[in-house]
Amino acid sequence: MASPEVMALVTDALRGQLVSALPSGAHVVLGAPSADAPVTVGVFVHPLRIALSSARRNAPDRRVDDVAFRHPLDLDVDYLIAGLGDEALAELALLDATLQWAAEHPVRTHDRMSEGLSQPERWASLASGSLTVRWRVLDLTLEQAASIWTAAGMRQRAGLFLRAEVQWRSGQASSGPIIGL
């Protein structure tokens, strides 16, 4: 599975898991809300940054006696999550529920990833591999957070920054001998 499918699956899983963690009637919108969007109560999840994890960036590709050593796909996907609506206290309550979810469920393994998916066919394509996601709340300074809001061109509000540390290991056979590290 290529990294776009993994990123889409992880983002969809985050959306579904937040839907189940938030109070009934709260919406989870993927992407930044537009200025002319109708007012809705919930949170939005905006992907900010996608990168190879530092461990993967620093691991050299190796070959020994024509045996390829293949590393798992290790990605870091950073998200901005902020409240929707026109009531600050309601937005803060939704962010609190999101923060509690992230603290109580920091690791999602392959067997629990399918909960709340809107596109189960993406999950079916992962049947032969192993996916693990560790959710980490990022602690940004006020200046860093303000810079992100400014760069995104959005009205600054309370929000949290969440990182998905994603590890995908394919279970499919390849044409040559592959040894995973």
N, C-alpha and C. Protein backbone atom coordinates (compact mmCIF):
# COMPACT_ATOMS: atom_id res chain seq x y z
N MET A 1 0.85 -1.17 0.00
CA MET A 1 0.00 0.00 0.00
C MET A 1 0.89 1.23 0.00
N ALA A 2 0.58 2.17 -0.86
CA ALA A 2 1.36 3.40 -0.95
C ALA A 2 0.97 4.36 0.16
N SER A 3 1.84 5.31 0.42
CA SER A 3 1.60 6.24 1.53
C SER A 3 0.33 7.07 1.37
N PRO A 4 -0.13 7.44 0.16
CA PRO A 4 -1.40 8.18 0.11
C PRO A 4 -2.58 7.40 0.68
N GLU A 5 -2.63 6.10 0.41
CA GLU A 5 -3.71 5.29 0.95
C GLU A 5 -3.62 5.19 2.47
N VAL A 6 -2.40 5.05 3.00
CA VAL A 6 -2.21 4.97 4.44
C VAL A 6 -2.62 6.28 5.09
N MET A 7 -2.21 7.41 4.51
CA MET A 7 -2.58 8.71 5.08
C MET A 7 -4.08 8.93 5.05
N ALA A 8 -4.72 8.54 3.96
CA ALA A 8 -6.17 8.68 3.87
C ALA A 8 -6.87 7.80 4.89
N LEU A 9 -6.38 6.58 5.07
CA LEU A 9 -6.98 5.68 6.04
C LEU A 9 -6.82 6.22 7.46
N VAL A 10 -5.64 6.70 7.80
CA VAL A 10 -5.39 7.22 9.15
C VAL A 10 -6.25 8.45 9.41
N THR A 11 -6.39 9.32 8.43
CA THR A 11 -7.22 10.51 8.59
C THR A 11 -8.69 10.13 8.75
N ASP A 12 -9.15 9.16 7.96
CA ASP A 12 -10.52 8.69 8.10
C ASP A 12 -10.74 8.02 9.46
N ALA A 13 -9.75 7.27 9.93
CA ALA A 13 -9.86 6.64 11.25
C ALA A 13 -9.91 7.70 12.35
N LEU A 14 -9.12 8.75 12.23
CA LEU A 14 -9.16 9.84 13.20
C LEU A 14 -10.55 10.47 13.21
N ARG A 15 -11.09 10.74 12.03
CA ARG A 15 -12.43 11.32 11.94
C ARG A 15 -13.46 10.43 12.63
N GLY A 16 -13.45 9.15 12.31
CA GLY A 16 -14.42 8.23 12.88
C GLY A 16 -14.27 8.07 14.38
N GLN A 17 -13.05 8.04 14.86
CA GLN A 17 -12.83 7.88 16.29
C GLN A 17 -13.23 9.14 17.06
N LEU A 18 -13.04 10.30 16.45
CA LEU A 18 -13.48 11.54 17.11
C LEU A 18 -15.01 11.62 17.13
N VAL A 19 -15.66 11.17 16.06
CA VAL A 19 -17.13 11.16 16.05
C VAL A 19 -17.65 10.37 17.25
N SER A 20 -17.02 9.23 17.53
CA SER A 20 -17.49 8.41 18.65
C SER A 20 -17.11 9.01 20.01
N ALA A 21 -16.09 9.85 20.06
CA ALA A 21 -15.64 10.44 21.33
C ALA A 21 -16.37 11.72 21.68
N LEU A 22 -16.92 12.40 20.69
CA LEU A 22 -17.58 13.68 20.93
C LEU A 22 -19.05 13.46 21.31
N PRO A 23 -19.66 14.46 21.93
CA PRO A 23 -21.08 14.34 22.28
C PRO A 23 -21.94 14.13 21.04
N SER A 24 -23.08 13.49 21.23
CA SER A 24 -24.01 13.23 20.15
C SER A 24 -24.39 14.53 19.45
N GLY A 25 -24.42 14.51 18.14
CA GLY A 25 -24.79 15.69 17.36
C GLY A 25 -23.62 16.54 16.92
N ALA A 26 -22.43 16.32 17.50
CA ALA A 26 -21.24 17.08 17.09
C ALA A 26 -20.71 16.49 15.78
N HIS A 27 -20.30 17.35 14.89
CA HIS A 27 -19.78 16.94 13.59
C HIS A 27 -18.26 16.99 13.59
N VAL A 28 -17.65 16.15 12.77
CA VAL A 28 -16.21 16.20 12.54
C VAL A 28 -16.03 16.44 11.05
N VAL A 29 -15.45 17.58 10.73
CA VAL A 29 -15.28 18.00 9.34
C VAL A 29 -13.81 17.86 8.98
N LEU A 30 -13.52 17.21 7.85
CA LEU A 30 -12.14 17.11 7.39
C LEU A 30 -11.80 18.34 6.57
N GLY A 31 -10.68 18.95 6.87
CA GLY A 31 -10.25 20.14 6.17
C GLY A 31 -10.70 21.40 6.89
N ALA A 32 -10.08 22.48 6.52
CA ALA A 32 -10.40 23.77 7.15
C ALA A 32 -11.77 24.25 6.68
N PRO A 33 -12.53 24.82 7.59
CA PRO A 33 -13.85 25.32 7.19
C PRO A 33 -13.71 26.58 6.34
N SER A 34 -14.60 26.73 5.39
CA SER A 34 -14.58 27.95 4.58
C SER A 34 -15.37 29.04 5.30
N ALA A 35 -15.08 30.26 4.96
CA ALA A 35 -15.72 31.40 5.63
C ALA A 35 -17.23 31.42 5.38
N ASP A 36 -17.68 30.90 4.24
CA ASP A 36 -19.11 30.93 3.92
C ASP A 36 -19.84 29.63 4.28
N ALA A 37 -19.15 28.72 4.99
CA ALA A 37 -19.80 27.46 5.40
C ALA A 37 -20.83 27.75 6.47
N PRO A 38 -21.93 27.01 6.47
CA PRO A 38 -22.92 27.23 7.52
C PRO A 38 -22.33 26.88 8.89
N VAL A 39 -22.81 27.56 9.91
CA VAL A 39 -22.32 27.31 11.27
C VAL A 39 -22.79 25.94 11.72
N THR A 40 -21.86 25.12 12.17
CA THR A 40 -22.16 23.80 12.67
C THR A 40 -21.38 23.58 13.96
N VAL A 41 -21.87 22.75 14.81
CA VAL A 41 -21.20 22.46 16.07
C VAL A 41 -20.37 21.21 15.90
N GLY A 42 -19.10 21.29 16.24
CA GLY A 42 -18.21 20.15 16.12
C GLY A 42 -16.77 20.61 16.11
N VAL A 43 -15.94 19.82 15.45
CA VAL A 43 -14.53 20.16 15.29
C VAL A 43 -14.15 19.96 13.83
N PHE A 44 -13.09 20.64 13.41
CA PHE A 44 -12.53 20.33 12.11
C PHE A 44 -11.13 19.77 12.30
N VAL A 45 -10.78 18.86 11.39
CA VAL A 45 -9.49 18.19 11.39
C VAL A 45 -8.79 18.60 10.11
N HIS A 46 -7.70 19.34 10.26
CA HIS A 46 -6.98 19.86 9.10
C HIS A 46 -5.57 19.27 9.06
N PRO A 47 -5.27 18.42 8.06
CA PRO A 47 -3.89 17.90 7.95
C PRO A 47 -2.93 19.06 7.68
N LEU A 48 -1.86 19.12 8.46
CA LEU A 48 -0.89 20.22 8.33
C LEU A 48 0.42 19.80 7.68
N ARG A 49 0.92 18.64 8.06
CA ARG A 49 2.27 18.25 7.65
C ARG A 49 2.34 16.74 7.56
N ILE A 50 3.03 16.28 6.52
CA ILE A 50 3.25 14.85 6.33
C ILE A 50 4.74 14.67 6.07
N ALA A 51 5.37 13.76 6.83
CA ALA A 51 6.81 13.55 6.66
C ALA A 51 7.16 12.12 7.03
N LEU A 52 8.30 11.67 6.50
CA LEU A 52 8.84 10.41 6.98
C LEU A 52 9.27 10.62 8.42
N SER A 53 9.07 9.62 9.26
CA SER A 53 9.50 9.77 10.65
C SER A 53 11.01 9.93 10.70
N SER A 54 11.50 10.53 11.77
CA SER A 54 12.94 10.77 11.87
C SER A 54 13.72 9.45 11.90
N ALA A 55 13.16 8.41 12.51
CA ALA A 55 13.84 7.12 12.53
C ALA A 55 13.99 6.57 11.11
N ARG A 56 12.97 6.72 10.29
CA ARG A 56 13.03 6.22 8.91
C ARG A 56 13.97 7.07 8.06
N ARG A 57 13.95 8.39 8.26
CA ARG A 57 14.84 9.26 7.47
C ARG A 57 16.30 8.92 7.72
N ASN A 58 16.63 8.51 8.94
CA ASN A 58 18.02 8.25 9.30
C ASN A 58 18.45 6.82 9.06
N ALA A 59 17.54 5.95 8.65
CA ALA A 59 17.88 4.54 8.41
C ALA A 59 18.27 4.35 6.95
N PRO A 60 19.50 3.92 6.70
CA PRO A 60 19.92 3.73 5.31
C PRO A 60 19.28 2.46 4.71
N ASP A 61 19.04 2.52 3.41
CA ASP A 61 18.60 1.31 2.71
C ASP A 61 19.83 0.43 2.55
N ARG A 62 19.64 -0.87 2.78
CA ARG A 62 20.79 -1.77 2.75
C ARG A 62 20.50 -2.97 1.88
N ARG A 63 21.57 -3.50 1.31
CA ARG A 63 21.52 -4.75 0.56
C ARG A 63 22.70 -5.60 1.04
N VAL A 64 22.40 -6.85 1.31
CA VAL A 64 23.45 -7.79 1.70
C VAL A 64 23.25 -9.04 0.87
N ASP A 65 24.26 -9.39 0.07
CA ASP A 65 24.19 -10.59 -0.78
C ASP A 65 22.90 -10.62 -1.58
N ASP A 66 22.55 -9.51 -2.21
CA ASP A 66 21.35 -9.37 -3.04
C ASP A 66 20.05 -9.58 -2.28
N VAL A 67 20.08 -9.42 -0.99
CA VAL A 67 18.87 -9.45 -0.19
C VAL A 67 18.57 -8.01 0.21
N ALA A 68 17.38 -7.56 -0.15
CA ALA A 68 17.00 -6.18 0.16
C ALA A 68 16.43 -6.12 1.57
N PHE A 69 16.84 -5.12 2.28
CA PHE A 69 16.27 -4.86 3.60
C PHE A 69 15.27 -3.74 3.44
N ARG A 70 14.01 -4.05 3.64
CA ARG A 70 12.96 -3.07 3.44
C ARG A 70 12.45 -2.59 4.80
N HIS A 71 12.44 -1.31 4.95
CA HIS A 71 11.94 -0.71 6.17
C HIS A 71 10.42 -0.57 6.08
N PRO A 72 9.74 -0.61 7.20
CA PRO A 72 8.30 -0.34 7.15
C PRO A 72 8.08 1.12 6.76
N LEU A 73 6.88 1.42 6.32
CA LEU A 73 6.53 2.79 6.02
C LEU A 73 6.26 3.50 7.35
N ASP A 74 7.11 4.43 7.70
CA ASP A 74 6.96 5.19 8.94
C ASP A 74 6.72 6.64 8.58
N LEU A 75 5.53 7.12 8.93
CA LEU A 75 5.16 8.49 8.62
C LEU A 75 4.75 9.23 9.88
N ASP A 76 4.95 10.54 9.87
CA ASP A 76 4.37 11.42 10.87
C ASP A 76 3.38 12.31 10.13
N VAL A 77 2.14 12.31 10.58
CA VAL A 77 1.10 13.16 9.99
C VAL A 77 0.59 14.08 11.10
N ASP A 78 0.78 15.37 10.90
CA ASP A 78 0.36 16.36 11.90
C ASP A 78 -0.96 16.98 11.50
N TYR A 79 -1.84 17.14 12.49
CA TYR A 79 -3.17 17.68 12.27
C TYR A 79 -3.41 18.86 13.20
N LEU A 80 -4.18 19.81 12.72
CA LEU A 80 -4.73 20.88 13.54
C LEU A 80 -6.19 20.52 13.76
N ILE A 81 -6.60 20.50 15.03
CA ILE A 81 -7.99 20.22 15.36
C ILE A 81 -8.51 21.42 16.15
N ALA A 82 -9.60 21.98 15.67
CA ALA A 82 -10.19 23.15 16.33
C ALA A 82 -11.70 23.05 16.29
N GLY A 83 -12.33 23.81 17.18
CA GLY A 83 -13.78 23.77 17.30
C GLY A 83 -14.48 24.52 16.18
N LEU A 84 -15.70 24.09 15.94
CA LEU A 84 -16.60 24.76 14.99
C LEU A 84 -17.79 25.29 15.77
N GLY A 85 -18.33 26.36 15.30
CA GLY A 85 -19.51 26.93 15.94
C GLY A 85 -19.25 28.39 16.26
N ASP A 86 -20.20 28.96 16.96
CA ASP A 86 -20.03 30.37 17.29
C ASP A 86 -20.02 30.61 18.79
N GLU A 87 -19.84 29.56 19.56
CA GLU A 87 -19.82 29.66 21.01
C GLU A 87 -18.48 29.12 21.52
N ALA A 88 -17.66 30.00 22.10
CA ALA A 88 -16.31 29.63 22.53
C ALA A 88 -16.31 28.52 23.57
N LEU A 89 -17.21 28.58 24.54
CA LEU A 89 -17.22 27.56 25.58
C LEU A 89 -17.60 26.19 25.03
N ALA A 90 -18.51 26.15 24.08
CA ALA A 90 -18.88 24.88 23.45
C ALA A 90 -17.70 24.31 22.67
N GLU A 91 -16.96 25.18 21.96
CA GLU A 91 -15.78 24.74 21.24
C GLU A 91 -14.74 24.16 22.20
N LEU A 92 -14.55 24.82 23.33
CA LEU A 92 -13.58 24.34 24.31
C LEU A 92 -13.99 22.98 24.88
N ALA A 93 -15.27 22.78 25.09
CA ALA A 93 -15.75 21.48 25.59
C ALA A 93 -15.47 20.37 24.57
N LEU A 94 -15.63 20.67 23.29
CA LEU A 94 -15.34 19.68 22.25
C LEU A 94 -13.85 19.40 22.17
N LEU A 95 -13.03 20.43 22.32
CA LEU A 95 -11.58 20.22 22.33
C LEU A 95 -11.15 19.41 23.55
N ASP A 96 -11.82 19.65 24.68
CA ASP A 96 -11.52 18.87 25.88
C ASP A 96 -11.84 17.39 25.63
N ALA A 97 -12.96 17.11 25.00
CA ALA A 97 -13.32 15.71 24.69
C ALA A 97 -12.29 15.10 23.73
N THR A 98 -11.81 15.89 22.79
CA THR A 98 -10.80 15.42 21.85
C THR A 98 -9.49 15.13 22.58
N LEU A 99 -9.10 16.02 23.47
CA LEU A 99 -7.88 15.84 24.25
C LEU A 99 -7.98 14.61 25.14
N GLN A 100 -9.12 14.41 25.76
CA GLN A 100 -9.31 13.22 26.59
C GLN A 100 -9.22 11.95 25.76
N TRP A 101 -9.82 11.96 24.56
CA TRP A 101 -9.74 10.79 23.68
C TRP A 101 -8.28 10.49 23.35
N ALA A 102 -7.50 11.52 22.99
CA ALA A 102 -6.09 11.30 22.62
C ALA A 102 -5.29 10.77 23.81
N ALA A 103 -5.60 11.23 25.02
CA ALA A 103 -4.87 10.78 26.20
C ALA A 103 -5.26 9.35 26.58
N GLU A 104 -6.52 8.98 26.39
CA GLU A 104 -7.01 7.66 26.79
C GLU A 104 -6.73 6.58 25.75
N HIS A 105 -6.56 6.96 24.50
CA HIS A 105 -6.34 6.00 23.41
C HIS A 105 -5.13 6.40 22.58
N PRO A 106 -3.94 6.43 23.18
CA PRO A 106 -2.79 6.93 22.42
C PRO A 106 -2.30 5.99 21.31
N VAL A 107 -2.62 4.70 21.41
CA VAL A 107 -2.13 3.76 20.39
C VAL A 107 -3.31 2.99 19.82
N ARG A 108 -3.37 2.95 18.51
CA ARG A 108 -4.36 2.14 17.80
C ARG A 108 -3.59 1.13 16.98
N THR A 109 -3.93 -0.14 17.20
CA THR A 109 -3.28 -1.20 16.45
C THR A 109 -4.19 -1.66 15.33
N HIS A 110 -3.63 -2.51 14.51
CA HIS A 110 -4.31 -2.99 13.31
C HIS A 110 -5.71 -3.53 13.60
N ASP A 111 -5.85 -4.26 14.69
CA ASP A 111 -7.13 -4.91 14.98
C ASP A 111 -8.21 -3.93 15.43
N ARG A 112 -7.85 -2.69 15.81
CA ARG A 112 -8.85 -1.72 16.26
C ARG A 112 -8.97 -0.51 15.33
N MET A 113 -8.23 -0.52 14.25
CA MET A 113 -8.21 0.65 13.38
C MET A 113 -9.49 0.83 12.59
N SER A 114 -10.24 -0.21 12.35
CA SER A 114 -11.40 -0.11 11.47
C SER A 114 -12.61 0.56 12.13
N GLU A 115 -12.55 0.82 13.43
CA GLU A 115 -13.69 1.41 14.13
C GLU A 115 -14.00 2.81 13.59
N GLY A 116 -15.21 3.00 13.10
CA GLY A 116 -15.67 4.31 12.68
C GLY A 116 -15.24 4.77 11.30
N LEU A 117 -14.72 3.88 10.48
CA LEU A 117 -14.29 4.29 9.13
C LEU A 117 -15.49 4.60 8.26
N SER A 118 -15.38 5.65 7.47
CA SER A 118 -16.44 5.97 6.52
C SER A 118 -16.21 5.26 5.19
N GLN A 119 -14.99 4.79 4.96
CA GLN A 119 -14.65 4.11 3.72
C GLN A 119 -14.00 2.76 4.04
N PRO A 120 -14.80 1.77 4.39
CA PRO A 120 -14.23 0.47 4.79
C PRO A 120 -13.44 -0.22 3.69
N GLU A 121 -13.66 0.15 2.43
CA GLU A 121 -12.89 -0.47 1.35
C GLU A 121 -11.41 -0.14 1.47
N ARG A 122 -11.07 1.01 2.04
CA ARG A 122 -9.65 1.32 2.28
C ARG A 122 -9.07 0.33 3.28
N TRP A 123 -9.86 0.04 4.30
CA TRP A 123 -9.40 -0.90 5.31
C TRP A 123 -9.21 -2.29 4.72
N ALA A 124 -10.10 -2.71 3.84
CA ALA A 124 -10.00 -4.04 3.23
C ALA A 124 -8.68 -4.19 2.47
N SER A 125 -8.17 -3.10 1.91
CA SER A 125 -6.91 -3.18 1.16
C SER A 125 -5.71 -3.38 2.08
N LEU A 126 -5.90 -3.25 3.39
CA LEU A 126 -4.81 -3.43 4.35
C LEU A 126 -4.80 -4.82 4.99
N ALA A 127 -5.66 -5.69 4.56
CA ALA A 127 -5.84 -6.98 5.22
C ALA A 127 -4.55 -7.77 5.35
N SER A 128 -3.63 -7.61 4.44
CA SER A 128 -2.41 -8.43 4.46
C SER A 128 -1.24 -7.74 5.15
N GLY A 129 -1.47 -6.64 5.84
CA GLY A 129 -0.37 -5.95 6.48
C GLY A 129 -0.65 -5.65 7.93
N SER A 130 0.14 -4.78 8.48
CA SER A 130 0.00 -4.39 9.88
C SER A 130 0.15 -2.88 9.99
N LEU A 131 -0.83 -2.26 10.64
CA LEU A 131 -0.84 -0.81 10.80
C LEU A 131 -0.92 -0.48 12.28
N THR A 132 -0.05 0.41 12.72
CA THR A 132 -0.07 0.90 14.10
C THR A 132 0.01 2.41 14.05
N VAL A 133 -0.83 3.07 14.84
CA VAL A 133 -0.82 4.53 14.91
C VAL A 133 -0.70 4.93 16.38
N ARG A 134 0.25 5.77 16.66
CA ARG A 134 0.40 6.37 18.00
C ARG A 134 0.01 7.84 17.87
N TRP A 135 -1.02 8.23 18.64
CA TRP A 135 -1.48 9.62 18.64
C TRP A 135 -0.71 10.38 19.71
N ARG A 136 -0.16 11.51 19.34
CA ARG A 136 0.60 12.33 20.28
C ARG A 136 0.16 13.77 20.18
N VAL A 137 -0.22 14.36 21.30
CA VAL A 137 -0.57 15.78 21.32
C VAL A 137 0.74 16.56 21.31
N LEU A 138 0.86 17.49 20.37
CA LEU A 138 2.06 18.30 20.25
C LEU A 138 1.94 19.54 21.13
N ASP A 139 3.00 19.87 21.81
CA ASP A 139 3.04 21.03 22.67
C ASP A 139 3.77 22.15 21.94
N LEU A 140 3.01 23.02 21.31
CA LEU A 140 3.60 24.13 20.56
C LEU A 140 3.56 25.40 21.40
N THR A 141 4.53 26.25 21.17
CA THR A 141 4.50 27.55 21.84
C THR A 141 3.39 28.39 21.23
N LEU A 142 3.01 29.44 21.92
CA LEU A 142 1.99 30.34 21.40
C LEU A 142 2.41 30.94 20.06
N GLU A 143 3.68 31.27 19.93
CA GLU A 143 4.19 31.84 18.68
C GLU A 143 4.12 30.83 17.54
N GLN A 144 4.46 29.57 17.81
CA GLN A 144 4.37 28.54 16.78
C GLN A 144 2.93 28.33 16.34
N ALA A 145 2.03 28.26 17.31
CA ALA A 145 0.61 28.07 16.98
C ALA A 145 0.09 29.25 16.17
N ALA A 146 0.43 30.46 16.57
CA ALA A 146 -0.02 31.65 15.84
C ALA A 146 0.53 31.64 14.41
N SER A 147 1.76 31.20 14.24
CA SER A 147 2.35 31.13 12.90
C SER A 147 1.59 30.14 12.01
N ILE A 148 1.16 29.02 12.58
CA ILE A 148 0.41 28.03 11.81
C ILE A 148 -0.94 28.60 11.39
N TRP A 149 -1.64 29.23 12.32
CA TRP A 149 -2.93 29.84 11.98
C TRP A 149 -2.76 30.89 10.88
N THR A 150 -1.74 31.71 11.00
CA THR A 150 -1.50 32.74 10.00
C THR A 150 -1.17 32.12 8.64
N ALA A 151 -0.29 31.14 8.64
CA ALA A 151 0.09 30.49 7.38
C ALA A 151 -1.10 29.79 6.72
N ALA A 152 -1.99 29.24 7.54
CA ALA A 152 -3.17 28.55 7.01
C ALA A 152 -4.24 29.54 6.56
N GLY A 153 -4.11 30.81 6.93
CA GLY A 153 -5.08 31.81 6.53
C GLY A 153 -6.42 31.67 7.22
N MET A 154 -6.40 31.12 8.42
CA MET A 154 -7.65 30.90 9.15
C MET A 154 -7.70 31.81 10.38
N ARG A 155 -8.93 32.07 10.81
CA ARG A 155 -9.14 32.84 12.04
C ARG A 155 -8.59 32.02 13.20
N GLN A 156 -7.74 32.66 14.01
CA GLN A 156 -7.15 31.96 15.14
C GLN A 156 -8.18 31.72 16.22
N ARG A 157 -8.17 30.52 16.77
CA ARG A 157 -9.06 30.11 17.84
C ARG A 157 -8.35 29.04 18.65
N ALA A 158 -8.97 28.59 19.69
CA ALA A 158 -8.38 27.50 20.47
C ALA A 158 -8.30 26.26 19.59
N GLY A 159 -7.23 25.54 19.71
CA GLY A 159 -7.06 24.33 18.93
C GLY A 159 -5.98 23.46 19.54
N LEU A 160 -5.90 22.26 19.04
CA LEU A 160 -4.80 21.41 19.47
C LEU A 160 -4.15 20.80 18.25
N PHE A 161 -2.91 20.45 18.44
CA PHE A 161 -2.11 19.90 17.36
C PHE A 161 -1.81 18.45 17.72
N LEU A 162 -2.17 17.57 16.81
CA LEU A 162 -2.08 16.14 17.06
C LEU A 162 -1.20 15.51 16.00
N ARG A 163 -0.30 14.65 16.42
CA ARG A 163 0.56 13.93 15.48
C ARG A 163 0.16 12.45 15.47
N ALA A 164 0.03 11.92 14.29
CA ALA A 164 -0.16 10.48 14.11
C ALA A 164 1.19 9.91 13.69
N GLU A 165 1.78 9.10 14.56
CA GLU A 165 3.01 8.40 14.22
C GLU A 165 2.58 7.05 13.65
N VAL A 166 2.70 6.92 12.35
CA VAL A 166 2.12 5.81 11.61
C VAL A 166 3.21 4.83 11.19
N GLN A 167 2.95 3.55 11.44
CA GLN A 167 3.85 2.51 10.95
C GLN A 167 3.03 1.47 10.21
N TRP A 168 3.34 1.30 8.94
CA TRP A 168 2.66 0.33 8.09
C TRP A 168 3.69 -0.70 7.63
N ARG A 169 3.38 -1.95 7.86
CA ARG A 169 4.22 -3.05 7.38
C ARG A 169 3.39 -3.90 6.45
N SER A 170 3.85 -3.99 5.23
CA SER A 170 3.14 -4.79 4.23
C SER A 170 3.36 -6.26 4.50
N GLY A 171 2.31 -7.05 4.34
CA GLY A 171 2.41 -8.48 4.53
C GLY A 171 2.46 -9.23 3.22
N GLN A 172 2.45 -8.49 2.11
CA GLN A 172 2.43 -9.12 0.80
C GLN A 172 3.83 -9.55 0.39
N ALA A 173 3.89 -10.67 -0.28
CA ALA A 173 5.18 -11.17 -0.77
C ALA A 173 5.68 -10.31 -1.91
N SER A 174 6.96 -10.22 -2.04
CA SER A 174 7.56 -9.47 -3.13
C SER A 174 8.27 -10.41 -4.07
N SER A 175 8.83 -9.84 -5.13
CA SER A 175 9.48 -10.67 -6.14
C SER A 175 10.81 -11.24 -5.67
N GLY A 176 11.43 -10.63 -4.70
CA GLY A 176 12.73 -11.12 -4.21
C GLY A 176 12.68 -11.30 -2.70
N PRO A 177 13.74 -11.81 -2.14
CA PRO A 177 13.75 -11.97 -0.67
C PRO A 177 13.79 -10.61 0.01
N ILE A 178 12.86 -10.36 0.90
CA ILE A 178 12.79 -9.11 1.62
C ILE A 178 12.85 -9.40 3.11
N ILE A 179 13.64 -8.64 3.78
CA ILE A 179 13.75 -8.77 5.23
C ILE A 179 13.36 -7.43 5.83
N GLY A 180 12.32 -7.41 6.62
CA GLY A 180 11.88 -6.16 7.25
C GLY A 180 12.72 -5.85 8.47
N LEU A 181 12.99 -4.59 8.67
CA LEU A 181 13.75 -4.14 9.84
C LEU A 181 12.84 -3.43 10.80
